[in-house]
Amino acid sequence: MTNINQLQTLKLACEACGQKHLKTVAWLIENQAISCDCGHQTTHQNIEELVIQAVNELK
């Protein structure tokens, strides 16, 4: 993720319900999990996959 501006906002979808979460790259670097309103928590391992998907959407 070092090639991405840390202020870049990425749209990450919850794996369980599909709700979109806007997070900056800097926030993702500092946090190990994303909690969704549906109760699902996406852990660091899965966040990396979501970031790759979000970056591909930016292209």
N, C-alpha and C. Protein backbone atom coordinates (compact mmCIF):
# COMPACT_ATOMS: atom_id res chain seq x y z
N MET A 1 0.81 -1.20 0.00
CA MET A 1 0.00 0.00 0.00
C MET A 1 0.85 1.26 0.00
N THR A 2 2.14 1.13 -0.08
CA THR A 2 2.99 2.31 0.00
C THR A 2 2.90 3.19 -1.24
N ASN A 3 2.39 2.68 -2.35
CA ASN A 3 2.28 3.47 -3.57
C ASN A 3 1.03 4.33 -3.61
N ILE A 4 0.17 4.21 -2.61
CA ILE A 4 -1.10 4.95 -2.58
C ILE A 4 -0.96 6.10 -1.59
N ASN A 5 -1.48 7.26 -1.97
CA ASN A 5 -1.51 8.41 -1.07
C ASN A 5 -2.26 8.01 0.20
N GLN A 6 -1.69 8.30 1.37
CA GLN A 6 -2.31 7.88 2.62
C GLN A 6 -3.62 8.61 2.91
N LEU A 7 -3.88 9.72 2.23
CA LEU A 7 -5.14 10.43 2.40
C LEU A 7 -6.20 9.94 1.43
N GLN A 8 -5.82 9.06 0.52
CA GLN A 8 -6.78 8.50 -0.45
C GLN A 8 -7.88 7.76 0.30
N THR A 9 -9.13 8.03 -0.05
CA THR A 9 -10.27 7.34 0.55
C THR A 9 -10.65 6.16 -0.33
N LEU A 10 -10.83 5.02 0.31
CA LEU A 10 -11.22 3.81 -0.38
C LEU A 10 -12.60 3.37 0.10
N LYS A 11 -13.39 2.82 -0.80
CA LYS A 11 -14.73 2.33 -0.46
C LYS A 11 -14.63 0.82 -0.29
N LEU A 12 -14.74 0.36 0.96
CA LEU A 12 -14.62 -1.05 1.27
C LEU A 12 -15.99 -1.62 1.61
N ALA A 13 -16.34 -2.76 1.05
CA ALA A 13 -17.64 -3.37 1.29
C ALA A 13 -17.53 -4.44 2.38
N CYS A 14 -18.52 -4.43 3.28
CA CYS A 14 -18.61 -5.47 4.31
C CYS A 14 -18.80 -6.81 3.61
N GLU A 15 -18.06 -7.80 4.06
CA GLU A 15 -18.16 -9.13 3.45
C GLU A 15 -19.49 -9.80 3.74
N ALA A 16 -20.13 -9.42 4.84
CA ALA A 16 -21.37 -10.07 5.24
C ALA A 16 -22.60 -9.44 4.60
N CYS A 17 -22.70 -8.11 4.64
CA CYS A 17 -23.93 -7.46 4.19
C CYS A 17 -23.75 -6.54 2.98
N GLY A 18 -22.51 -6.23 2.62
CA GLY A 18 -22.25 -5.40 1.46
C GLY A 18 -22.24 -3.90 1.73
N GLN A 19 -22.50 -3.50 2.98
CA GLN A 19 -22.49 -2.07 3.31
C GLN A 19 -21.12 -1.49 2.99
N LYS A 20 -21.11 -0.30 2.38
CA LYS A 20 -19.85 0.35 2.01
C LYS A 20 -19.33 1.19 3.17
N HIS A 21 -18.03 1.14 3.38
CA HIS A 21 -17.35 1.92 4.41
C HIS A 21 -16.26 2.73 3.74
N LEU A 22 -16.25 4.02 3.95
CA LEU A 22 -15.20 4.88 3.41
C LEU A 22 -14.09 5.01 4.46
N LYS A 23 -12.91 4.58 4.10
CA LYS A 23 -11.75 4.63 5.00
C LYS A 23 -10.56 5.17 4.22
N THR A 24 -9.74 5.97 4.89
CA THR A 24 -8.51 6.44 4.25
C THR A 24 -7.44 5.36 4.39
N VAL A 25 -6.47 5.42 3.52
CA VAL A 25 -5.35 4.48 3.60
C VAL A 25 -4.66 4.62 4.96
N ALA A 26 -4.50 5.85 5.44
CA ALA A 26 -3.87 6.07 6.74
C ALA A 26 -4.65 5.36 7.85
N TRP A 27 -5.98 5.42 7.80
CA TRP A 27 -6.82 4.76 8.81
C TRP A 27 -6.60 3.26 8.75
N LEU A 28 -6.55 2.71 7.54
CA LEU A 28 -6.36 1.27 7.39
C LEU A 28 -5.01 0.80 7.93
N ILE A 29 -4.00 1.63 7.76
CA ILE A 29 -2.67 1.28 8.27
C ILE A 29 -2.67 1.23 9.80
N GLU A 30 -3.42 2.13 10.42
CA GLU A 30 -3.43 2.23 11.88
C GLU A 30 -4.38 1.25 12.57
N ASN A 31 -5.34 0.70 11.87
CA ASN A 31 -6.35 -0.16 12.48
C ASN A 31 -6.26 -1.57 11.95
N GLN A 32 -6.61 -2.53 12.80
CA GLN A 32 -6.49 -3.94 12.46
C GLN A 32 -7.80 -4.58 12.04
N ALA A 33 -8.93 -3.86 12.19
CA ALA A 33 -10.22 -4.44 11.84
C ALA A 33 -11.23 -3.33 11.53
N ILE A 34 -12.23 -3.69 10.73
CA ILE A 34 -13.34 -2.78 10.42
C ILE A 34 -14.60 -3.43 10.98
N SER A 35 -15.32 -2.68 11.81
CA SER A 35 -16.58 -3.17 12.35
C SER A 35 -17.73 -2.58 11.55
N CYS A 36 -18.69 -3.43 11.21
CA CYS A 36 -19.85 -3.00 10.44
C CYS A 36 -21.07 -2.91 11.36
N ASP A 37 -22.06 -2.12 10.95
CA ASP A 37 -23.29 -2.00 11.72
C ASP A 37 -24.04 -3.33 11.83
N CYS A 38 -23.81 -4.23 10.89
CA CYS A 38 -24.48 -5.54 10.93
C CYS A 38 -23.87 -6.46 11.99
N GLY A 39 -22.76 -6.05 12.59
CA GLY A 39 -22.11 -6.85 13.61
C GLY A 39 -20.90 -7.62 13.12
N HIS A 40 -20.71 -7.67 11.83
CA HIS A 40 -19.57 -8.39 11.26
C HIS A 40 -18.29 -7.56 11.43
N GLN A 41 -17.19 -8.24 11.74
CA GLN A 41 -15.90 -7.56 11.85
C GLN A 41 -14.94 -8.15 10.83
N THR A 42 -14.40 -7.29 9.97
CA THR A 42 -13.43 -7.71 8.97
C THR A 42 -12.04 -7.53 9.56
N THR A 43 -11.27 -8.60 9.60
CA THR A 43 -9.94 -8.56 10.20
C THR A 43 -8.89 -8.13 9.20
N HIS A 44 -7.70 -7.88 9.71
CA HIS A 44 -6.59 -7.37 8.90
C HIS A 44 -6.33 -8.23 7.66
N GLN A 45 -6.37 -9.54 7.81
CA GLN A 45 -6.08 -10.42 6.67
C GLN A 45 -7.07 -10.17 5.53
N ASN A 46 -8.33 -9.98 5.85
CA ASN A 46 -9.35 -9.78 4.83
C ASN A 46 -9.37 -8.34 4.33
N ILE A 47 -8.93 -7.40 5.15
CA ILE A 47 -8.90 -6.00 4.74
C ILE A 47 -8.00 -5.82 3.53
N GLU A 48 -6.87 -6.53 3.51
CA GLU A 48 -5.94 -6.40 2.39
C GLU A 48 -6.62 -6.76 1.07
N GLU A 49 -7.43 -7.82 1.07
CA GLU A 49 -8.16 -8.21 -0.14
C GLU A 49 -9.16 -7.13 -0.54
N LEU A 50 -9.85 -6.55 0.46
CA LEU A 50 -10.83 -5.50 0.18
C LEU A 50 -10.16 -4.26 -0.38
N VAL A 51 -8.97 -3.95 0.11
CA VAL A 51 -8.22 -2.78 -0.39
C VAL A 51 -7.84 -3.00 -1.85
N ILE A 52 -7.40 -4.18 -2.18
CA ILE A 52 -7.04 -4.48 -3.57
C ILE A 52 -8.26 -4.31 -4.47
N GLN A 53 -9.43 -4.77 -4.04
CA GLN A 53 -10.66 -4.61 -4.81
C GLN A 53 -10.99 -3.13 -4.96
N ALA A 54 -10.87 -2.36 -3.86
CA ALA A 54 -11.20 -0.93 -3.89
C ALA A 54 -10.26 -0.18 -4.82
N VAL A 55 -8.98 -0.51 -4.80
CA VAL A 55 -8.00 0.14 -5.67
C VAL A 55 -8.33 -0.16 -7.13
N ASN A 56 -8.71 -1.39 -7.42
CA ASN A 56 -9.07 -1.75 -8.79
C ASN A 56 -10.29 -0.97 -9.27
N GLU A 57 -11.20 -0.65 -8.37
CA GLU A 57 -12.38 0.15 -8.73
C GLU A 57 -11.98 1.59 -9.08
N LEU A 58 -10.87 2.06 -8.54
CA LEU A 58 -10.41 3.42 -8.81
C LEU A 58 -9.82 3.54 -10.21
N LYS A 59 -9.38 2.44 -10.77
CA LYS A 59 -8.71 2.47 -12.09
C LYS A 59 -9.69 2.72 -13.21
